[in-house]
């Protein structure tokens, strides 16, 4: 996955929209999307930020050298683990991570389907308020046992005639 640095000037290949990368959203299925903030318009108004899929963006200029480059915190959780919000008690699976240029990471938490077979909305929480409560169990690879010839193994068999 090629990560576009915060502050890079980008252009969406489909719409032609241009602006600067200010947010990165990482989904559990490896989809990466970016929040792109355009510059001031002719009326000196700041247009709304838009979200684009990473592969649709081309970098047209690297971040300006006089911009501060925040050091990214390492990820607190792998996506796909069960987490709990310590403030509300809300639990679910961490399915997305939102990284902002100068603020803490947030995680999107998806609760399970309810008793009415409805899928509740995903909620986002600050990383600092979450604890991992159930890591996914990695599938253990069974080492291949050497093939043994037919017949009894590890015990003796008496044959009577």
Protein backbone atom coordinates (compact mmCIF):
# COMPACT_ATOMS: atom_id res chain seq x y z
CA UNK A 1 0.00 0.00 0.00
CA UNK A 2 1.53 3.32 -1.09
CA UNK A 3 0.82 5.97 1.52
CA UNK A 4 0.45 9.57 0.32
CA UNK A 5 2.12 11.91 2.86
CA UNK A 6 -0.01 14.51 4.62
CA UNK A 7 0.22 17.91 2.93
CA UNK A 8 0.85 16.47 -0.54
CA UNK A 9 -0.98 18.23 -3.34
CA UNK A 10 -3.12 15.69 -5.20
CA UNK A 11 -5.53 15.52 -8.12
CA UNK A 12 -8.41 13.08 -8.46
CA UNK A 13 -7.97 11.33 -11.84
CA UNK A 14 -11.74 11.00 -12.34
CA UNK A 15 -13.15 14.41 -11.36
CA UNK A 16 -10.06 16.64 -11.60
CA UNK A 17 -10.62 17.83 -8.01
CA UNK A 18 -7.36 19.15 -6.50
CA UNK A 19 -6.27 19.90 -2.97
CA UNK A 20 -4.04 18.79 -0.12
CA UNK A 21 -4.12 15.50 1.80
CA UNK A 22 -5.29 16.16 5.38
CA UNK A 23 -6.82 12.81 6.42
CA UNK A 24 -6.15 9.12 5.70
CA UNK A 25 -8.83 6.50 6.30
CA UNK A 26 -7.68 2.88 6.40
CA UNK A 27 -10.37 0.20 6.09
CA UNK A 28 -10.12 -3.39 7.30
CA UNK A 29 -10.23 -4.69 3.71
CA UNK A 30 -7.07 -2.67 2.82
CA UNK A 31 -9.03 0.10 1.07
CA UNK A 32 -7.34 3.45 1.76
CA UNK A 33 -9.21 6.72 1.25
CA UNK A 34 -7.98 10.28 1.67
CA UNK A 35 -9.55 13.53 2.79
CA UNK A 36 -8.53 16.25 0.34
CA UNK A 37 -8.84 19.92 1.32
CA UNK A 38 -8.94 22.38 -1.60
CA UNK A 39 -7.34 25.84 -1.20
CA UNK A 40 -9.33 29.06 -0.73
CA UNK A 41 -11.59 29.88 -3.66
CA UNK A 42 -11.84 33.26 -5.46
CA UNK A 43 -14.29 34.52 -2.83
CA UNK A 44 -11.70 33.72 -0.10
CA UNK A 45 -13.95 30.94 1.22
CA UNK A 46 -12.61 27.53 2.22
CA UNK A 47 -14.44 24.85 0.21
CA UNK A 48 -15.49 21.61 1.86
CA UNK A 49 -13.03 18.74 2.10
CA UNK A 50 -13.84 15.71 -0.10
CA UNK A 51 -12.98 12.03 0.32
CA UNK A 52 -11.36 9.99 -2.49
CA UNK A 53 -10.11 6.44 -3.00
CA UNK A 54 -6.31 6.32 -2.82
CA UNK A 55 -5.73 4.67 -6.23
CA UNK A 56 -7.67 7.50 -7.93
CA UNK A 57 -5.30 10.19 -6.65
CA UNK A 58 -2.11 11.33 -8.28
CA UNK A 59 0.43 13.37 -6.36
CA UNK A 60 1.09 16.63 -8.21
CA UNK A 61 3.42 18.16 -5.58
CA UNK A 62 5.08 16.88 -2.40
CA UNK A 63 4.33 18.54 0.94
CA UNK A 64 5.80 22.03 1.25
CA UNK A 65 9.10 22.01 3.12
CA UNK A 66 7.93 24.72 5.54
CA UNK A 67 4.90 22.65 6.65
CA UNK A 68 5.24 20.77 9.90
CA UNK A 69 5.24 17.03 9.39
CA UNK A 70 3.70 15.30 12.37
CA UNK A 71 5.25 11.97 13.26
CA UNK A 72 2.58 9.30 13.02
CA UNK A 73 1.86 7.25 16.09
CA UNK A 74 2.14 3.50 15.65
CA UNK A 75 -1.23 1.81 15.32
CA UNK A 76 -2.73 0.88 18.69
CA UNK A 77 -4.78 -1.99 17.26
CA UNK A 78 -4.85 -4.13 14.19
CA UNK A 79 -8.10 -3.76 12.30
CA UNK A 80 -10.41 -6.74 12.82
CA UNK A 81 -10.00 -7.04 16.60
CA UNK A 82 -12.81 -6.61 19.12
CA UNK A 83 -12.52 -3.39 21.13
CA UNK A 84 -14.41 -1.64 23.91
CA UNK A 85 -14.86 2.09 24.48
CA UNK A 86 -13.99 2.74 28.13
CA UNK A 87 -16.30 5.78 28.38
CA UNK A 88 -19.53 4.26 27.06
CA UNK A 89 -18.97 0.50 27.21
CA UNK A 90 -19.70 0.24 23.46
CA UNK A 91 -18.08 -2.88 21.94
CA UNK A 92 -17.55 -4.10 18.41
CA UNK A 93 -14.96 -4.84 15.76
CA UNK A 94 -12.44 -2.16 14.77
CA UNK A 95 -13.08 -1.90 11.02
CA UNK A 96 -11.44 1.41 10.09
CA UNK A 97 -8.74 3.78 11.28
CA UNK A 98 -8.81 7.54 10.68
CA UNK A 99 -5.43 9.30 10.77
CA UNK A 100 -5.40 13.10 10.86
CA UNK A 101 -2.35 15.27 10.27
CA UNK A 102 -2.20 16.83 13.73
CA UNK A 103 -4.66 14.99 15.94
CA UNK A 104 -4.98 11.55 17.46
CA UNK A 105 -6.20 8.52 15.58
CA UNK A 106 -9.85 7.46 15.67
CA UNK A 107 -11.23 4.00 15.08
CA UNK A 108 -14.54 3.01 13.50
CA UNK A 109 -16.18 0.28 15.58
CA UNK A 110 -18.89 -1.94 14.10
CA UNK A 111 -21.23 -3.65 16.58
CA UNK A 112 -22.83 -7.00 15.67
CA UNK A 113 -26.27 -7.39 14.16
CA UNK A 114 -29.07 -6.91 16.73
CA UNK A 115 -31.93 -9.27 17.61
CA UNK A 116 -34.15 -7.66 14.94
CA UNK A 117 -31.56 -8.65 12.29
CA UNK A 118 -30.63 -4.98 11.79
CA UNK A 119 -27.04 -3.85 11.38
CA UNK A 120 -26.36 -0.93 13.76
CA UNK A 121 -24.41 2.08 12.52
CA UNK A 122 -20.66 2.14 12.90
CA UNK A 123 -19.42 4.51 15.63
CA UNK A 124 -16.03 6.23 15.88
CA UNK A 125 -13.96 6.61 19.02
CA UNK A 126 -10.65 8.17 20.03
CA UNK A 127 -7.85 5.61 20.15
CA UNK A 128 -7.02 6.55 23.75
CA UNK A 129 -10.52 5.53 24.95
CA UNK A 130 -10.42 2.04 23.40
CA UNK A 131 -9.08 -1.22 24.77
CA UNK A 132 -8.66 -4.43 22.85
CA UNK A 133 -10.80 -7.14 24.43
CA UNK A 134 -10.70 -9.98 21.98
CA UNK A 135 -7.87 -10.40 19.49
CA UNK A 136 -8.65 -12.50 16.44
CA UNK A 137 -7.42 -16.02 16.83
CA UNK A 138 -4.83 -16.66 14.14
CA UNK A 139 -5.38 -19.86 12.28
CA UNK A 140 -2.72 -22.31 13.28
CA UNK A 141 -1.09 -24.11 10.46
CA UNK A 142 -0.95 -27.78 11.16
CA UNK A 143 2.50 -29.00 10.38
CA UNK A 144 2.26 -31.76 7.84
CA UNK A 145 2.80 -35.07 9.49
CA UNK A 146 5.06 -37.41 7.61
CA UNK A 147 3.06 -40.02 5.76
CA UNK A 148 3.41 -43.39 7.36
CA UNK A 149 2.73 -46.71 5.74
CA UNK A 150 -0.52 -48.52 6.48
CA UNK A 151 -0.68 -50.60 9.60
CA UNK A 152 -0.68 -50.13 13.32
CA UNK A 153 1.45 -47.36 14.76
CA UNK A 154 2.71 -46.75 18.26
CA UNK A 155 1.20 -49.96 19.63
CA UNK A 156 1.38 -53.71 19.09
CA UNK A 157 -1.43 -55.76 17.73
CA UNK A 158 -1.83 -59.46 18.38
CA UNK A 159 -3.31 -61.43 15.57
CA UNK A 160 -4.95 -64.74 16.35
CA UNK A 161 -5.79 -67.51 13.88
